[in-house]
PDB file of N, CA and C in Angstrom:
ATOM      1  N   MET A   1     -40.542 217.703 -99.149  1.00  0.00           N
ATOM      2  CA  MET A   1     -40.659 216.643 -98.184  1.00  0.00           C
ATOM      3  C   MET A   1     -42.135 216.437 -97.851  1.00  0.00           C
ATOM      4  N   ARG A   2     -42.540 215.197 -97.766  1.00  0.00           N
ATOM      5  CA  ARG A   2     -43.919 214.889 -97.373  1.00  0.00           C
ATOM      6  C   ARG A   2     -44.117 215.201 -95.899  1.00  0.00           C
ATOM      7  N   LEU A   3     -45.325 215.597 -95.574  1.00  0.00           N
ATOM      8  CA  LEU A   3     -45.659 215.976 -94.205  1.00  0.00           C
ATOM      9  C   LEU A   3     -45.409 214.835 -93.222  1.00  0.00           C
ATOM     10  N   ARG A   4     -45.845 213.657 -93.555  1.00  0.00           N
ATOM     11  CA  ARG A   4     -45.655 212.509 -92.652  1.00  0.00           C
ATOM     12  C   ARG A   4     -44.177 212.254 -92.402  1.00  0.00           C
ATOM     13  N   ASP A   5     -43.357 212.387 -93.432  1.00  0.00           N
ATOM     14  CA  ASP A   5     -41.910 212.201 -93.267  1.00  0.00           C
ATOM     15  C   ASP A   5     -41.342 213.219 -92.286  1.00  0.00           C
ATOM     16  N   LEU A   6     -41.784 214.470 -92.398  1.00  0.00           N
ATOM     17  CA  LEU A   6     -41.324 215.510 -91.492  1.00  0.00           C
ATOM     18  C   LEU A   6     -41.710 215.185 -90.051  1.00  0.00           C
ATOM     19  N   LEU A   7     -42.947 214.775 -89.830  1.00  0.00           N
ATOM     20  CA  LEU A   7     -43.396 214.440 -88.478  1.00  0.00           C
ATOM     21  C   LEU A   7     -42.654 213.230 -87.917  1.00  0.00           C
ATOM     22  N   ASN A   8     -42.380 212.247 -88.763  1.00  0.00           N
ATOM     23  CA  ASN A   8     -41.627 211.077 -88.306  1.00  0.00           C
ATOM     24  C   ASN A   8     -40.190 211.437 -87.932  1.00  0.00           C
ATOM     25  N   LYS A   9     -39.600 212.412 -88.613  1.00  0.00           N
ATOM     26  CA  LYS A   9     -38.257 212.854 -88.258  1.00  0.00           C
ATOM     27  C   LYS A   9     -38.206 213.336 -86.810  1.00  0.00           C
ATOM     28  N   LEU A  10     -39.270 213.980 -86.366  1.00  0.00           N
ATOM     29  CA  LEU A  10     -39.323 214.449 -84.982  1.00  0.00           C
ATOM     30  C   LEU A  10     -39.200 213.299 -83.992  1.00  0.00           C
ATOM     31  N   ARG A  11     -39.756 212.187 -84.369  1.00  0.00           N
ATOM     32  CA  ARG A  11     -39.753 211.030 -83.481  1.00  0.00           C
ATOM     33  C   ARG A  11     -38.476 210.194 -83.587  1.00  0.00           C
ATOM     34  N   TRP A  12     -37.880 210.107 -84.782  1.00  0.00           N
ATOM     35  CA  TRP A  12     -36.800 209.146 -84.995  1.00  0.00           C
ATOM     36  C   TRP A  12     -35.438 209.754 -85.312  1.00  0.00           C
ATOM     37  N   ASP A  13     -35.365 210.954 -85.838  1.00  0.00           N
ATOM     38  CA  ASP A  13     -34.086 211.547 -86.246  1.00  0.00           C
ATOM     39  C   ASP A  13     -33.482 212.311 -85.063  1.00  0.00           C
ATOM     40  N   PRO A  14     -32.265 211.918 -84.625  1.00  0.00           N
ATOM     41  CA  PRO A  14     -31.640 212.586 -83.468  1.00  0.00           C
ATOM     42  C   PRO A  14     -31.466 214.096 -83.658  1.00  0.00           C
ATOM     43  N   LYS A  15     -31.286 214.570 -84.893  1.00  0.00           N
ATOM     44  CA  LYS A  15     -31.133 216.008 -85.138  1.00  0.00           C
ATOM     45  C   LYS A  15     -32.413 216.781 -84.831  1.00  0.00           C
ATOM     46  N   PHE A  16     -33.548 216.109 -84.878  1.00  0.00           N
ATOM     47  CA  PHE A  16     -34.838 216.750 -84.634  1.00  0.00           C
ATOM     48  C   PHE A  16     -35.364 216.487 -83.225  1.00  0.00           C
ATOM     49  N   LYS A  17     -34.604 215.756 -82.420  1.00  0.00           N
ATOM     50  CA  LYS A  17     -35.085 215.272 -81.126  1.00  0.00           C
ATOM     51  C   LYS A  17     -35.675 216.370 -80.235  1.00  0.00           C
ATOM     52  N   ASN A  18     -35.038 217.506 -80.132  1.00  0.00           N
ATOM     53  CA  ASN A  18     -35.509 218.553 -79.226  1.00  0.00           C
ATOM     54  C   ASN A  18     -36.245 219.688 -79.924  1.00  0.00           C
ATOM     55  N   LYS A  19     -36.534 219.528 -81.206  1.00  0.00           N
ATOM     56  CA  LYS A  19     -37.249 220.585 -81.937  1.00  0.00           C
ATOM     57  C   LYS A  19     -38.729 220.574 -81.581  1.00  0.00           C
ATOM     58  N   ILE A  20     -39.260 221.754 -81.413  1.00  0.00           N
ATOM     59  CA  ILE A  20     -40.701 221.924 -81.215  1.00  0.00           C
ATOM     60  C   ILE A  20     -41.210 222.681 -82.437  1.00  0.00           C
ATOM     61  N   LEU A  21     -42.155 222.073 -83.137  1.00  0.00           N
ATOM     62  CA  LEU A  21     -42.736 222.694 -84.307  1.00  0.00           C
ATOM     63  C   LEU A  21     -44.173 223.074 -84.010  1.00  0.00           C
ATOM     64  N   LYS A  22     -44.625 224.143 -84.638  1.00  0.00           N
ATOM     65  CA  LYS A  22     -46.003 224.602 -84.483  1.00  0.00           C
ATOM     66  C   LYS A  22     -46.781 224.205 -85.731  1.00  0.00           C
ATOM     67  N   ILE A  23     -47.870 223.487 -85.524  1.00  0.00           N
ATOM     68  CA  ILE A  23     -48.718 223.037 -86.621  1.00  0.00           C
ATOM     69  C   ILE A  23     -49.993 223.870 -86.615  1.00  0.00           C
ATOM     70  N   THR A  24     -50.300 224.465 -87.755  1.00  0.00           N
ATOM     71  CA  THR A  24     -51.564 225.181 -87.931  1.00  0.00           C
ATOM     72  C   THR A  24     -52.439 224.302 -88.809  1.00  0.00           C
ATOM     73  N   TYR A  25     -53.673 224.068 -88.365  1.00  0.00           N
ATOM     74  CA  TYR A  25     -54.568 223.215 -89.133  1.00  0.00           C
ATOM     75  C   TYR A  25     -55.977 223.799 -89.166  1.00  0.00           C
ATOM     76  N   ILE A  26     -56.753 223.344 -90.134  1.00  0.00           N
ATOM     77  CA  ILE A  26     -58.131 223.793 -90.307  1.00  0.00           C
ATOM     78  C   ILE A  26     -58.984 223.193 -89.198  1.00  0.00           C
ATOM     79  N   HIS A  27     -59.701 224.069 -88.501  1.00  0.00           N
ATOM     80  CA  HIS A  27     -60.598 223.650 -87.423  1.00  0.00           C
ATOM     81  C   HIS A  27     -61.848 224.517 -87.501  1.00  0.00           C
ATOM     82  N   ARG A  28     -62.876 224.003 -88.161  1.00  0.00           N
ATOM     83  CA  ARG A  28     -64.102 224.772 -88.381  1.00  0.00           C
ATOM     84  C   ARG A  28     -64.709 225.217 -87.052  1.00  0.00           C
ATOM     85  N   GLY A  29     -65.067 226.475 -86.989  1.00  0.00           N
ATOM     86  CA  GLY A  29     -65.677 227.023 -85.794  1.00  0.00           C
ATOM     87  C   GLY A  29     -64.703 227.754 -84.892  1.00  0.00           C
ATOM     88  N   ALA A  30     -63.420 227.496 -85.050  1.00  0.00           N
ATOM     89  CA  ALA A  30     -62.401 228.225 -84.281  1.00  0.00           C
ATOM     90  C   ALA A  30     -62.192 229.587 -84.941  1.00  0.00           C
ATOM     91  N   PRO A  31     -61.612 230.544 -84.231  1.00  0.00           N
ATOM     92  CA  PRO A  31     -61.320 231.835 -84.866  1.00  0.00           C
ATOM     93  C   PRO A  31     -60.500 231.640 -86.149  1.00  0.00           C
ATOM     94  N   ASN A  32     -60.928 232.266 -87.218  1.00  0.00           N
ATOM     95  CA  ASN A  32     -60.302 232.132 -88.550  1.00  0.00           C
ATOM     96  C   ASN A  32     -60.321 230.693 -89.073  1.00  0.00           C
ATOM     97  N   ASP A  33     -61.140 229.852 -88.479  1.00  0.00           N
ATOM     98  CA  ASP A  33     -61.245 228.430 -88.862  1.00  0.00           C
ATOM     99  C   ASP A  33     -59.913 227.695 -88.786  1.00  0.00           C
ATOM    100  N   THR A  34     -59.011 228.154 -87.933  1.00  0.00           N
ATOM    101  CA  THR A  34     -57.731 227.465 -87.752  1.00  0.00           C
ATOM    102  C   THR A  34     -57.435 227.296 -86.268  1.00  0.00           C
ATOM    103  N   GLN A  35     -56.580 226.328 -85.985  1.00  0.00           N
ATOM    104  CA  GLN A  35     -56.103 226.102 -84.634  1.00  0.00           C
ATOM    105  C   GLN A  35     -54.641 225.708 -84.725  1.00  0.00           C
ATOM    106  N   GLN A  36     -53.900 225.900 -83.635  1.00  0.00           N
ATOM    107  CA  GLN A  36     -52.481 225.550 -83.624  1.00  0.00           C
ATOM    108  C   GLN A  36     -52.177 224.649 -82.429  1.00  0.00           C
ATOM    109  N   ILE A  37     -51.262 223.718 -82.666  1.00  0.00           N
ATOM    110  CA  ILE A  37     -50.719 222.911 -81.575  1.00  0.00           C
ATOM    111  C   ILE A  37     -49.222 222.795 -81.808  1.00  0.00           C
ATOM    112  N   THR A  38     -48.507 222.362 -80.807  1.00  0.00           N
ATOM    113  CA  THR A  38     -47.081 222.101 -80.967  1.00  0.00           C
ATOM    114  C   THR A  38     -46.865 220.595 -81.042  1.00  0.00           C
ATOM    115  N   THR A  39     -45.798 220.219 -81.735  1.00  0.00           N
ATOM    116  CA  THR A  39     -45.565 218.805 -82.003  1.00  0.00           C
ATOM    117  C   THR A  39     -45.240 217.991 -80.751  1.00  0.00           C
ATOM    118  N   ASP A  40     -44.876 218.634 -79.653  1.00  0.00           N
ATOM    119  CA  ASP A  40     -44.627 217.865 -78.434  1.00  0.00           C
ATOM    120  C   ASP A  40     -45.920 217.272 -77.867  1.00  0.00           C
ATOM    121  N   LYS A  41     -47.064 217.677 -78.386  1.00  0.00           N
ATOM    122  CA  LYS A  41     -48.358 217.147 -77.939  1.00  0.00           C
ATOM    123  C   LYS A  41     -48.808 215.917 -78.748  1.00  0.00           C
ATOM    124  N   ILE A  42     -48.101 215.610 -79.828  1.00  0.00           N
ATOM    125  CA  ILE A  42     -48.492 214.496 -80.701  1.00  0.00           C
ATOM    126  C   ILE A  42     -48.273 213.165 -79.994  1.00  0.00           C
ATOM    127  N   ASN A  43     -49.302 212.301 -80.081  1.00  0.00           N
ATOM    128  CA  ASN A  43     -49.213 210.953 -79.509  1.00  0.00           C
ATOM    129  C   ASN A  43     -48.823 209.916 -80.556  1.00  0.00           C
ATOM    130  N   ARG A  44     -49.542 209.927 -81.672  1.00  0.00           N
ATOM    131  CA  ARG A  44     -49.318 208.919 -82.718  1.00  0.00           C
ATOM    132  C   ARG A  44     -49.232 209.594 -84.079  1.00  0.00           C
ATOM    133  N   ILE A  45     -48.350 209.056 -84.931  1.00  0.00           N
ATOM    134  CA  ILE A  45     -48.232 209.494 -86.319  1.00  0.00           C
ATOM    135  C   ILE A  45     -48.611 208.295 -87.177  1.00  0.00           C
ATOM    136  N   CYS A  46     -49.707 208.418 -87.900  1.00  0.00           N
ATOM    137  CA  CYS A  46     -50.233 207.313 -88.698  1.00  0.00           C
ATOM    138  C   CYS A  46     -50.119 207.653 -90.184  1.00  0.00           C
ATOM    139  N   SER A  47     -50.611 206.774 -91.034  1.00  0.00           N
ATOM    140  CA  SER A  47     -50.421 206.967 -92.474  1.00  0.00           C
ATOM    141  C   SER A  47     -51.158 208.180 -93.025  1.00  0.00           C
ATOM    142  N   SER A  48     -52.319 208.534 -92.478  1.00  0.00           N
ATOM    143  CA  SER A  48     -53.068 209.657 -93.036  1.00  0.00           C
ATOM    144  C   SER A  48     -53.503 210.685 -91.983  1.00  0.00           C
ATOM    145  N   TYR A  49     -53.047 210.513 -90.747  1.00  0.00           N
ATOM    146  CA  TYR A  49     -53.411 211.433 -89.676  1.00  0.00           C
ATOM    147  C   TYR A  49     -52.427 211.320 -88.514  1.00  0.00           C
ATOM    148  N   PHE A  50     -52.516 212.275 -87.585  1.00  0.00           N
ATOM    149  CA  PHE A  50     -51.823 212.143 -86.310  1.00  0.00           C
ATOM    150  C   PHE A  50     -52.832 212.401 -85.210  1.00  0.00           C
ATOM    151  N   THR A  51     -52.475 212.013 -83.985  1.00  0.00           N
ATOM    152  CA  THR A  51     -53.360 212.255 -82.851  1.00  0.00           C
ATOM    153  C   THR A  51     -52.609 213.029 -81.781  1.00  0.00           C
ATOM    154  N   TYR A  52     -53.374 213.785 -80.998  1.00  0.00           N
ATOM    155  CA  TYR A  52     -52.835 214.453 -79.825  1.00  0.00           C
ATOM    156  C   TYR A  52     -53.910 214.463 -78.749  1.00  0.00           C
ATOM    157  N   THR A  53     -53.509 214.730 -77.518  1.00  0.00           N
ATOM    158  CA  THR A  53     -54.448 214.805 -76.410  1.00  0.00           C
ATOM    159  C   THR A  53     -54.694 216.271 -76.098  1.00  0.00           C
ATOM    160  N   ASN A  54     -55.967 216.670 -76.108  1.00  0.00           N
ATOM    161  CA  ASN A  54     -56.296 218.079 -75.858  1.00  0.00           C
ATOM    162  C   ASN A  54     -56.350 218.366 -74.349  1.00  0.00           C
ATOM    163  N   SER A  55     -56.689 219.586 -73.995  1.00  0.00           N
ATOM    164  CA  SER A  55     -56.688 219.998 -72.590  1.00  0.00           C
ATOM    165  C   SER A  55     -57.766 219.294 -71.765  1.00  0.00           C
ATOM    166  N   ALA A  56     -58.768 218.715 -72.426  1.00  0.00           N
ATOM    167  CA  ALA A  56     -59.806 217.960 -71.733  1.00  0.00           C
ATOM    168  C   ALA A  56     -59.463 216.470 -71.664  1.00  0.00           C
ATOM    169  N   SER A  57     -58.201 216.130 -71.956  1.00  0.00           N
ATOM    170  CA  SER A  57     -57.699 214.746 -71.938  1.00  0.00           C
ATOM    171  C   SER A  57     -58.395 213.842 -72.954  1.00  0.00           C
ATOM    172  N   GLU A  58     -58.878 214.430 -74.059  1.00  0.00           N
ATOM    173  CA  GLU A  58     -59.498 213.669 -75.136  1.00  0.00           C
ATOM    174  C   GLU A  58     -58.504 213.520 -76.281  1.00  0.00           C
ATOM    175  N   GLU A  59     -58.508 212.338 -76.890  1.00  0.00           N
ATOM    176  CA  GLU A  59     -57.642 212.141 -78.050  1.00  0.00           C
ATOM    177  C   GLU A  59     -58.305 212.774 -79.270  1.00  0.00           C
ATOM    178  N   VAL A  60     -57.548 213.615 -79.986  1.00  0.00           N
ATOM    179  CA  VAL A  60     -58.043 214.318 -81.165  1.00  0.00           C
ATOM    180  C   VAL A  60     -57.298 213.780 -82.385  1.00  0.00           C
ATOM    181  N   VAL A  61     -58.037 213.474 -83.439  1.00  0.00           N
ATOM    182  CA  VAL A  61     -57.464 212.971 -84.685  1.00  0.00           C
ATOM    183  C   VAL A  61     -57.425 214.125 -85.685  1.00  0.00           C
ATOM    184  N   ILE A  62     -56.241 214.390 -86.241  1.00  0.00           N
ATOM    185  CA  ILE A  62     -56.076 215.443 -87.245  1.00  0.00           C
ATOM    186  C   ILE A  62     -55.591 214.807 -88.545  1.00  0.00           C
ATOM    187  N   PRO A  63     -56.440 214.734 -89.567  1.00  0.00           N
ATOM    188  CA  PRO A  63     -56.008 214.213 -90.865  1.00  0.00           C
ATOM    189  C   PRO A  63     -54.997 215.177 -91.502  1.00  0.00           C
ATOM    190  N   TYR A  64     -54.027 214.632 -92.200  1.00  0.00           N
ATOM    191  CA  TYR A  64     -52.990 215.465 -92.816  1.00  0.00           C
ATOM    192  C   TYR A  64     -53.559 216.494 -93.789  1.00  0.00           C
ATOM    193  N   HIS A  65     -54.665 216.178 -94.451  1.00  0.00           N
ATOM    194  CA  HIS A  65     -55.203 217.130 -95.440  1.00  0.00           C
ATOM    195  C   HIS A  65     -55.712 218.415 -94.786  1.00  0.00           C
ATOM    196  N   ARG A  66     -55.858 218.447 -93.471  1.00  0.00           N
ATOM    197  CA  ARG A  66     -56.301 219.661 -92.777  1.00  0.00           C
ATOM    198  C   ARG A  66     -55.144 220.548 -92.323  1.00  0.00           C
ATOM    199  N   ILE A  67     -53.920 220.062 -92.441  1.00  0.00           N
ATOM    200  CA  ILE A  67     -52.775 220.840 -91.979  1.00  0.00           C
ATOM    201  C   ILE A  67     -52.424 221.908 -93.014  1.00  0.00           C
ATOM    202  N   ILE A  68     -52.178 223.124 -92.513  1.00  0.00           N
ATOM    203  CA  ILE A  68     -51.866 224.263 -93.379  1.00  0.00           C
ATOM    204  C   ILE A  68     -50.364 224.541 -93.381  1.00  0.00           C
ATOM    205  N   THR A  69     -49.766 224.661 -92.193  1.00  0.00           N
ATOM    206  CA  THR A  69     -48.325 224.929 -92.106  1.00  0.00           C
ATOM    207  C   THR A  69     -47.695 224.192 -90.938  1.00  0.00           C
ATOM    208  N   VAL A  70     -46.378 223.997 -91.058  1.00  0.00           N
ATOM    209  CA  VAL A  70     -45.547 223.500 -89.963  1.00  0.00           C
ATOM    210  C   VAL A  70     -44.369 224.459 -89.865  1.00  0.00           C
ATOM    211  N   ILE A  71     -44.210 225.067 -88.689  1.00  0.00           N
ATOM    212  CA  ILE A  71     -43.196 226.100 -88.488  1.00  0.00           C
ATOM    213  C   ILE A  71     -42.309 225.736 -87.307  1.00  0.00           C
ATOM    214  N   ASP A  72     -41.003 225.935 -87.456  1.00  0.00           N
ATOM    215  CA  ASP A  72     -40.055 225.737 -86.359  1.00  0.00           C
ATOM    216  C   ASP A  72     -40.274 226.850 -85.344  1.00  0.00           C
ATOM    217  N   GLU A  73     -40.652 226.505 -84.124  1.00  0.00           N
ATOM    218  CA  GLU A  73     -40.947 227.502 -83.084  1.00  0.00           C
ATOM    219  C   GLU A  73     -39.732 228.370 -82.767  1.00  0.00           C
ATOM    220  N   ALA A  74     -38.549 227.769 -82.742  1.00  0.00           N
ATOM    221  CA  ALA A  74     -37.343 228.502 -82.338  1.00  0.00           C
ATOM    222  C   ALA A  74     -36.896 229.526 -83.372  1.00  0.00           C
ATOM    223  N   THR A  75     -36.983 229.173 -84.651  1.00  0.00           N
ATOM    224  CA  THR A  75     -36.436 230.039 -85.697  1.00  0.00           C
ATOM    225  C   THR A  75     -37.494 230.774 -86.509  1.00  0.00           C
ATOM    226  N   GLY A  76     -38.728 230.298 -86.456  1.00  0.00           N
ATOM    227  CA  GLY A  76     -39.783 230.880 -87.275  1.00  0.00           C
ATOM    228  C   GLY A  76     -39.765 230.383 -88.715  1.00  0.00           C
ATOM    229  N   GLU A  77     -38.865 229.470 -89.018  1.00  0.00           N
ATOM    230  CA  GLU A  77     -38.738 228.936 -90.381  1.00  0.00           C
ATOM    231  C   GLU A  77     -39.949 228.070 -90.731  1.00  0.00           C
ATOM    232  N   VAL A  78     -40.518 228.321 -91.906  1.00  0.00           N
ATOM    233  CA  VAL A  78     -41.619 227.503 -92.397  1.00  0.00           C
ATOM    234  C   VAL A  78     -41.006 226.238 -92.994  1.00  0.00           C
ATOM    235  N   LEU A  79     -41.313 225.093 -92.384  1.00  0.00           N
ATOM    236  CA  LEU A  79     -40.750 223.822 -92.840  1.00  0.00           C
ATOM    237  C   LEU A  79     -41.646 223.104 -93.827  1.00  0.00           C
ATOM    238  N   TRP A  80     -42.939 223.396 -93.756  1.00  0.00           N
ATOM    239  CA  TRP A  80     -43.886 222.762 -94.667  1.00  0.00           C
ATOM    240  C   TRP A  80     -45.093 223.677 -94.798  1.00  0.00           C
ATOM    241  N   VAL A  81     -45.616 223.796 -96.007  1.00  0.00           N
ATOM    242  CA  VAL A  81     -46.836 224.569 -96.240  1.00  0.00           C
ATOM    243  C   VAL A  81     -47.680 223.817 -97.267  1.00  0.00           C
ATOM    244  N   LYS A  82     -48.976 223.799 -97.026  1.00  0.00           N
ATOM    245  CA  LYS A  82     -49.896 223.144 -97.952  1.00  0.00           C
ATOM    246  C   LYS A  82     -49.811 223.856 -99.300  1.00  0.00           C
ATOM    247  N   ARG A  83     -49.704 223.110-100.364  1.00  0.00           N
ATOM    248  CA  ARG A  83     -49.517 223.691-101.697  1.00  0.00           C
ATOM    249  C   ARG A  83     -50.563 224.737-102.047  1.00  0.00           C
ATOM    250  N   ARG A  84     -51.824 224.467-101.785  1.00  0.00           N
ATOM    251  CA  ARG A  84     -52.889 225.422-102.123  1.00  0.00           C
ATOM    252  C   ARG A  84     -52.790 226.689-101.290  1.00  0.00           C
ATOM    253  N   CYS A  85     -52.050 226.632-100.180  1.00  0.00           N
ATOM    254  CA  CYS A  85     -51.966 227.782 -99.265  1.00  0.00           C
ATOM    255  C   CYS A  85     -50.581 228.384 -99.272  1.00  0.00           C
ATOM    256  N   SER A  86     -49.880 228.322-100.386  1.00  0.00           N
ATOM    257  CA  SER A  86     -48.501 228.795-100.416  1.00  0.00           C
ATOM    258  C   SER A  86     -48.387 230.283-100.089  1.00  0.00           C
ATOM    259  N   SER A  87     -49.478 231.011-100.179  1.00  0.00           N
ATOM    260  CA  SER A  87     -49.433 232.434 -99.832  1.00  0.00           C
ATOM    261  C   SER A  87     -49.875 232.677 -98.393  1.00  0.00           C
ATOM    262  N   TYR A  88     -50.046 231.605 -97.614  1.00  0.00           N
ATOM    263  CA  TYR A  88     -50.484 231.726 -96.225  1.00  0.00           C
ATOM    264  C   TYR A  88     -49.471 232.542 -95.440  1.00  0.00           C
ATOM    265  N   SER A  89     -49.940 233.501 -94.665  1.00  0.00           N
ATOM    266  CA  SER A  89     -49.035 234.301 -93.855  1.00  0.00           C
ATOM    267  C   SER A  89     -49.103 233.856 -92.412  1.00  0.00           C
ATOM    268  N   THR A  90     -47.981 233.803 -91.759  1.00  0.00           N
ATOM    269  CA  THR A  90     -47.922 233.319 -90.390  1.00  0.00           C
ATOM    270  C   THR A  90     -48.012 234.444 -89.392  1.00  0.00           C
TER     271      THR A  90
END
């Protein structure tokens, strides 16, 4: 499944309505050069990126190519992993 399709399911598919997913993405300068957010923070899902509002009330743009994994918070199931990072450990 494409990443954008998965994120859109959260917004439009009733089966995914209450799911909270954890997204790990590349963020240079952060510990281990990664950062995590949960999908309930997402504002917009666009063709090549999504946006969320950070704790300083700033809109942050995250291009899809920076996303490493998407994990179901409740079950720990890995729903999506970047192909080059298939050995990524959570």
